[in-house]
């Protein structure tokens, strides 16, 4: 191939198409458990986290639910993925070897939200959320019926197996937040005067984006590393649904999704889809949906 501006533009279009093909091949799961929040600044503040308001009888003045003083924010991070194409390969029309690379580039970019979201879920046992406690913790601060400080738990870490998670995902704000500042942008450095071309005879193609992830309401999630059995799942479900907010107010939250690592897939299917367990009707059948994710490994 003669290396000139027109041919380089044609090559960019071809590589862009291969990249777009890769974007469509990666199966996405993160949207079920994370709310995508558009961002237009370096950092987004989530001071309103900590309040799940409900209607009240109007007696006296209105009660204004303003921003809580939690100071929880999510700072966008820059990400990139770059590949190089040898000038000699363009010169010799030896470009077929780069097709899988460009497709793979698209697959990696499409998979990144899942990687970020499920990694954060996995690290919820050791990463703080808006109230300063770990997202999955035994002592989240709340107020009891009399307005006195007390604590609540959303984790059972008494086992030794991999963690599995019960999540409430039907409301607008899901348990996790995917903050999107700048969507992935496919670009190239192919000018003869670019250092990569002039010094190394290498044409560079890459993608950059700005984004990050964070936690929503801990009340909408529960984690356990007990064995995934009917009894333990039932105990987690009961703990989840019996949780109350400040002043003993019922939250009305129900889990609708069980998230596990892939090797718990069949144990989850047995509990949630079998008509009977040990010869008796399975009361857990269809209780929640199930999702297994390799990003939890």
Protein backbone atom coordinates (compact mmCIF):
# COMPACT_ATOMS: atom_id res chain seq x y z
CA UNK A 1 0.00 0.00 0.00
CA UNK A 2 1.29 3.43 -0.88
CA UNK A 3 1.45 5.42 2.33
CA UNK A 4 -0.33 8.73 1.76
CA UNK A 5 -3.06 10.70 3.47
CA UNK A 6 -5.90 9.19 1.45
CA UNK A 7 -4.82 5.59 2.09
CA UNK A 8 -4.22 6.28 5.76
CA UNK A 9 -7.74 7.72 6.03
CA UNK A 10 -9.11 4.61 4.35
CA UNK A 11 -7.15 2.43 6.78
CA UNK A 12 -8.51 4.42 9.73
CA UNK A 13 -12.08 3.84 8.52
CA UNK A 14 -11.38 0.10 8.17
CA UNK A 15 -9.84 -0.15 11.63
CA UNK A 16 -12.72 1.90 13.09
CA UNK A 17 -15.21 -0.57 11.61
CA UNK A 18 -13.33 -3.52 13.12
CA UNK A 19 -13.24 -1.73 16.48
CA UNK A 20 -17.00 -1.11 16.27
CA UNK A 21 -17.52 -4.78 15.45
CA UNK A 22 -15.73 -5.68 18.67
CA UNK A 23 -17.86 -3.27 20.65
CA UNK A 24 -20.95 -5.24 19.72
CA UNK A 25 -19.56 -8.63 20.67
CA UNK A 26 -19.00 -8.24 24.41
CA UNK A 27 -21.99 -9.27 26.52
CA UNK A 28 -22.85 -6.56 29.03
CA UNK A 29 -24.22 -7.20 32.53
CA UNK A 30 -23.42 -4.05 34.50
CA UNK A 31 -26.62 -2.19 33.54
CA UNK A 32 -28.71 -4.52 35.71
CA UNK A 33 -26.88 -3.62 38.92
CA UNK A 34 -25.53 -0.10 38.25
CA UNK A 35 -27.26 3.15 37.37
CA UNK A 36 -25.47 5.04 34.60
CA UNK A 37 -25.08 8.67 35.63
CA UNK A 38 -23.91 11.16 32.96
CA UNK A 39 -21.16 13.43 34.17
CA UNK A 40 -20.05 16.83 32.91
CA UNK A 41 -17.48 17.71 35.56
CA UNK A 42 -14.28 16.30 37.04
CA UNK A 43 -16.10 15.04 40.13
CA UNK A 44 -19.76 14.35 40.87
CA UNK A 45 -21.08 14.91 44.38
CA UNK A 46 -23.67 12.51 45.82
CA UNK A 47 -24.57 14.32 49.02
CA UNK A 48 -28.18 13.14 48.79
CA UNK A 49 -27.17 9.55 49.45
CA UNK A 50 -28.31 8.47 52.89
CA UNK A 51 -31.94 9.39 52.47
CA UNK A 52 -34.61 7.17 50.95
CA UNK A 53 -37.57 9.55 51.48
CA UNK A 54 -41.21 8.53 51.73
CA UNK A 55 -44.51 10.38 51.83
CA UNK A 56 -45.71 11.60 55.22
CA UNK A 57 -48.90 13.11 56.56
CA UNK A 58 -48.70 16.88 56.13
CA UNK A 59 -48.88 18.27 59.62
CA UNK A 60 -47.39 21.72 60.14
CA UNK A 61 -44.65 22.88 57.79
CA UNK A 62 -43.28 20.75 55.00
CA UNK A 63 -40.22 18.67 55.85
CA UNK A 64 -37.58 19.44 53.24
CA UNK A 65 -35.30 16.57 52.30
CA UNK A 66 -32.10 18.35 51.40
CA UNK A 67 -28.56 17.10 50.79
CA UNK A 68 -27.06 15.05 53.55
CA UNK A 69 -23.64 16.04 54.82
CA UNK A 70 -21.97 12.80 53.74
CA UNK A 71 -19.55 14.31 51.27
CA UNK A 72 -19.60 11.24 49.04
CA UNK A 73 -18.19 11.97 45.60
CA UNK A 74 -17.02 10.01 42.58
CA UNK A 75 -14.02 11.41 40.72
CA UNK A 76 -13.75 10.52 37.06
CA UNK A 77 -10.64 8.65 35.98
CA UNK A 78 -9.00 8.62 32.54
CA UNK A 79 -8.59 5.27 30.78
CA UNK A 80 -6.84 4.33 27.54
CA UNK A 81 -6.00 1.35 25.37
CA UNK A 82 -3.51 1.77 22.53
CA UNK A 83 -2.09 -0.50 19.83
CA UNK A 84 0.68 0.07 17.31
CA UNK A 85 0.87 -0.85 13.64
CA UNK A 86 4.31 -1.30 12.06
CA UNK A 87 4.91 0.94 9.05
CA UNK A 88 6.41 -1.97 7.12
CA UNK A 89 3.15 -3.91 7.48
CA UNK A 90 1.26 -1.02 5.90
CA UNK A 91 3.91 -0.70 3.19
CA UNK A 92 3.69 -4.43 2.43
CA UNK A 93 -0.13 -4.57 2.65
CA UNK A 94 0.21 -7.03 5.52
CA UNK A 95 -2.75 -5.70 7.51
CA UNK A 96 -4.85 -8.81 8.01
CA UNK A 97 -2.87 -9.64 11.15
CA UNK A 98 -4.25 -6.48 12.76
CA UNK A 99 -7.94 -7.26 12.23
CA UNK A 100 -8.24 -9.47 15.36
CA UNK A 101 -6.33 -6.86 17.34
CA UNK A 102 -8.78 -4.08 16.41
CA UNK A 103 -11.78 -6.31 17.14
CA UNK A 104 -10.23 -7.25 20.45
CA UNK A 105 -9.73 -3.56 21.18
CA UNK A 106 -13.46 -3.00 20.81
CA UNK A 107 -14.28 -6.01 22.98
CA UNK A 108 -12.00 -4.77 25.75
CA UNK A 109 -13.53 -1.29 25.66
CA UNK A 110 -17.09 -2.67 25.75
CA UNK A 111 -16.24 -4.94 28.66
CA UNK A 112 -14.66 -2.24 30.81
CA UNK A 113 -17.88 -1.04 32.50
CA UNK A 114 -18.55 -4.63 33.62
CA UNK A 115 -14.98 -4.96 34.83
CA UNK A 116 -15.24 -1.75 36.86
CA UNK A 117 -18.71 -2.37 38.29
CA UNK A 118 -18.26 -6.00 39.31
CA UNK A 119 -14.78 -5.32 40.69
CA UNK A 120 -16.30 -2.65 42.91
CA UNK A 121 -19.06 -5.04 44.03
CA UNK A 122 -16.44 -7.65 44.89
CA UNK A 123 -14.43 -5.09 46.85
CA UNK A 124 -17.51 -3.82 48.71
CA UNK A 125 -16.39 -5.72 51.81
CA UNK A 126 -13.35 -3.44 52.09
CA UNK A 127 -14.36 -0.19 50.31
CA UNK A 128 -16.23 2.65 52.02
CA UNK A 129 -19.57 4.01 50.82
CA UNK A 130 -21.37 7.29 51.62
CA UNK A 131 -21.71 6.69 55.40
CA UNK A 132 -18.00 6.01 55.88
CA UNK A 133 -18.51 2.29 56.49
CA UNK A 134 -17.59 -0.43 54.06
CA UNK A 135 -20.41 -0.93 51.57
CA UNK A 136 -20.92 -4.41 53.01
CA UNK A 137 -20.56 -3.98 56.76
CA UNK A 138 -22.04 -5.00 60.09
CA UNK A 139 -22.41 -1.52 61.58
CA UNK A 140 -24.04 0.95 59.21
CA UNK A 141 -25.35 3.81 61.37
CA UNK A 142 -29.13 4.38 61.51
CA UNK A 143 -31.60 5.82 64.03
CA UNK A 144 -33.97 3.52 65.91
CA UNK A 145 -37.67 4.10 66.60
CA UNK A 146 -36.80 6.61 69.34
CA UNK A 147 -34.24 8.49 67.27
CA UNK A 148 -31.25 6.96 69.04
CA UNK A 149 -28.16 5.86 67.10
CA UNK A 150 -27.93 2.15 66.32
CA UNK A 151 -26.43 0.01 63.58
CA UNK A 152 -27.55 -2.40 60.89
CA UNK A 153 -25.73 -5.08 58.92
CA UNK A 154 -25.88 -6.00 55.24
CA UNK A 155 -23.27 -8.76 55.26
CA UNK A 156 -22.76 -12.28 56.59
CA UNK A 157 -19.02 -13.00 56.51
CA UNK A 158 -19.15 -16.05 58.76
CA UNK A 159 -18.49 -18.52 55.96
CA UNK A 160 -15.40 -19.45 53.98
CA UNK A 161 -16.71 -19.63 50.42
CA UNK A 162 -16.93 -17.03 47.66
CA UNK A 163 -19.28 -14.13 48.28
CA UNK A 164 -22.69 -14.07 46.65
CA UNK A 165 -24.96 -11.05 46.58
CA UNK A 166 -28.65 -10.23 46.83
CA UNK A 167 -29.47 -6.93 45.12
CA UNK A 168 -32.52 -4.73 44.64
CA UNK A 169 -32.31 -3.52 41.04
CA UNK A 170 -35.84 -2.41 40.11
CA UNK A 171 -35.62 1.19 41.29
CA UNK A 172 -34.08 4.00 39.27
CA UNK A 173 -31.02 4.17 41.54
CA UNK A 174 -29.42 0.76 41.64
CA UNK A 175 -26.95 -0.45 44.28
CA UNK A 176 -23.96 0.74 42.25
CA UNK A 177 -23.26 3.80 40.11
CA UNK A 178 -21.47 3.89 36.76
CA UNK A 179 -20.42 7.49 36.15
CA UNK A 180 -19.80 8.31 32.49
CA UNK A 181 -17.89 11.52 31.74
CA UNK A 182 -16.44 10.88 28.27
CA UNK A 183 -17.48 7.96 26.12
CA UNK A 184 -14.77 5.91 24.40
CA UNK A 185 -13.23 7.76 21.45
CA UNK A 186 -11.27 5.96 18.71
CA UNK A 187 -8.32 8.09 17.56
CA UNK A 188 -5.05 7.71 15.66
CA UNK A 189 -1.57 9.26 15.39
CA UNK A 190 -0.54 8.73 11.77
CA UNK A 191 1.11 11.95 10.70
CA UNK A 192 4.62 11.63 9.27
CA UNK A 193 5.75 14.22 11.81
CA UNK A 194 4.30 12.41 14.85
CA UNK A 195 7.10 11.09 17.05
CA UNK A 196 5.81 7.53 16.91
CA UNK A 197 5.94 7.55 13.09
CA UNK A 198 9.10 9.64 12.66
CA UNK A 199 11.18 7.92 15.37
CA UNK A 200 9.79 4.37 15.48
CA UNK A 201 8.02 3.83 12.13
CA UNK A 202 4.87 2.97 14.07
CA UNK A 203 1.31 4.12 13.48
CA UNK A 204 -0.68 4.30 16.70
CA UNK A 205 -4.42 3.66 17.16
CA UNK A 206 -6.16 3.91 20.48
CA UNK A 207 -9.22 4.60 22.59
CA UNK A 208 -9.59 6.91 25.55
CA UNK A 209 -12.45 7.52 27.98
CA UNK A 210 -13.20 9.15 31.32
CA UNK A 211 -15.44 7.40 33.84
CA UNK A 212 -15.59 5.79 37.26
CA UNK A 213 -17.82 3.75 39.54
CA UNK A 214 -19.16 4.15 43.06
CA UNK A 215 -21.73 2.92 45.52
CA UNK A 216 -25.39 3.84 45.81
CA UNK A 217 -27.51 2.79 48.79
CA UNK A 218 -26.05 -0.03 50.90
CA UNK A 219 -29.64 -0.79 51.92
CA UNK A 220 -30.21 -2.22 48.44
CA UNK A 221 -27.54 -4.92 48.73
CA UNK A 222 -26.59 -7.90 50.88
CA UNK A 223 -23.46 -10.07 50.72
CA UNK A 224 -22.74 -13.50 52.15
CA UNK A 225 -19.86 -15.96 51.95
CA UNK A 226 -21.85 -18.76 53.53
CA UNK A 227 -22.46 -21.84 51.40
CA UNK A 228 -25.10 -21.11 48.77
CA UNK A 229 -27.92 -23.26 50.16
CA UNK A 230 -31.66 -22.89 50.40
CA UNK A 231 -31.40 -22.13 54.12
CA UNK A 232 -28.66 -19.51 53.78
CA UNK A 233 -30.34 -17.78 50.83
CA UNK A 234 -33.60 -17.69 52.76
CA UNK A 235 -31.85 -16.19 55.79
CA UNK A 236 -30.23 -13.51 53.61
CA UNK A 237 -33.56 -12.73 51.94
CA UNK A 238 -35.28 -12.34 55.34
CA UNK A 239 -32.49 -10.11 56.65
CA UNK A 240 -32.78 -7.96 53.52
CA UNK A 241 -36.56 -7.52 53.59
CA UNK A 242 -36.79 -6.89 57.34
CA UNK A 243 -34.39 -3.94 57.20
CA UNK A 244 -35.76 -0.56 58.27
CA UNK A 245 -34.66 3.00 57.75
CA UNK A 246 -34.23 5.80 60.28
CA UNK A 247 -36.87 5.96 63.04
CA UNK A 248 -37.99 2.42 62.28
CA UNK A 249 -39.54 3.31 58.93
CA UNK A 250 -39.99 0.26 56.66
CA UNK A 251 -38.02 0.67 53.44
CA UNK A 252 -40.15 -1.69 51.37
CA UNK A 253 -37.08 -3.04 49.59
CA UNK A 254 -36.97 -6.54 48.15
CA UNK A 255 -34.06 -8.23 46.42
CA UNK A 256 -34.78 -9.34 42.87
CA UNK A 257 -31.35 -10.56 41.76
CA UNK A 258 -28.82 -13.08 43.04
CA UNK A 259 -25.28 -12.47 41.75
CA UNK A 260 -22.67 -15.20 42.01
CA UNK A 261 -19.34 -16.34 40.64
CA UNK A 262 -19.69 -18.76 37.69
CA UNK A 263 -19.02 -21.94 39.68
CA UNK A 264 -22.09 -21.26 41.84
CA UNK A 265 -24.33 -21.23 38.77
CA UNK A 266 -25.70 -24.73 39.26
CA UNK A 267 -26.25 -24.39 43.00
CA UNK A 268 -28.23 -21.20 42.32
CA UNK A 269 -30.23 -22.89 39.53
CA UNK A 270 -31.15 -25.78 41.82
CA UNK A 271 -32.49 -23.42 44.48
CA UNK A 272 -34.28 -21.00 42.17
CA UNK A 273 -35.65 -23.24 39.41
CA UNK A 274 -36.21 -26.74 40.81
CA UNK A 275 -39.86 -27.71 41.43
CA UNK A 276 -38.86 -29.71 44.50
CA UNK A 277 -35.89 -29.96 46.85
CA UNK A 278 -35.41 -33.16 48.85
CA UNK A 279 -38.90 -34.32 47.93
CA UNK A 280 -40.76 -31.20 49.11
CA UNK A 281 -42.13 -28.25 47.14
CA UNK A 282 -39.46 -25.63 46.55
CA UNK A 283 -40.77 -22.38 48.05
CA UNK A 284 -37.69 -20.55 46.70
CA UNK A 285 -38.48 -21.27 43.05
CA UNK A 286 -38.56 -18.03 41.04
CA UNK A 287 -37.88 -15.93 44.14
CA UNK A 288 -35.21 -13.84 42.41
CA UNK A 289 -33.34 -13.79 39.09
CA UNK A 290 -29.81 -15.12 38.89
CA UNK A 291 -26.69 -13.70 37.27
CA UNK A 292 -23.19 -15.18 37.34
CA UNK A 293 -20.25 -13.00 36.40
CA UNK A 294 -16.65 -13.93 35.65
CA UNK A 295 -15.66 -10.40 36.66
CA UNK A 296 -16.19 -11.44 40.32
CA UNK A 297 -13.33 -13.95 40.16
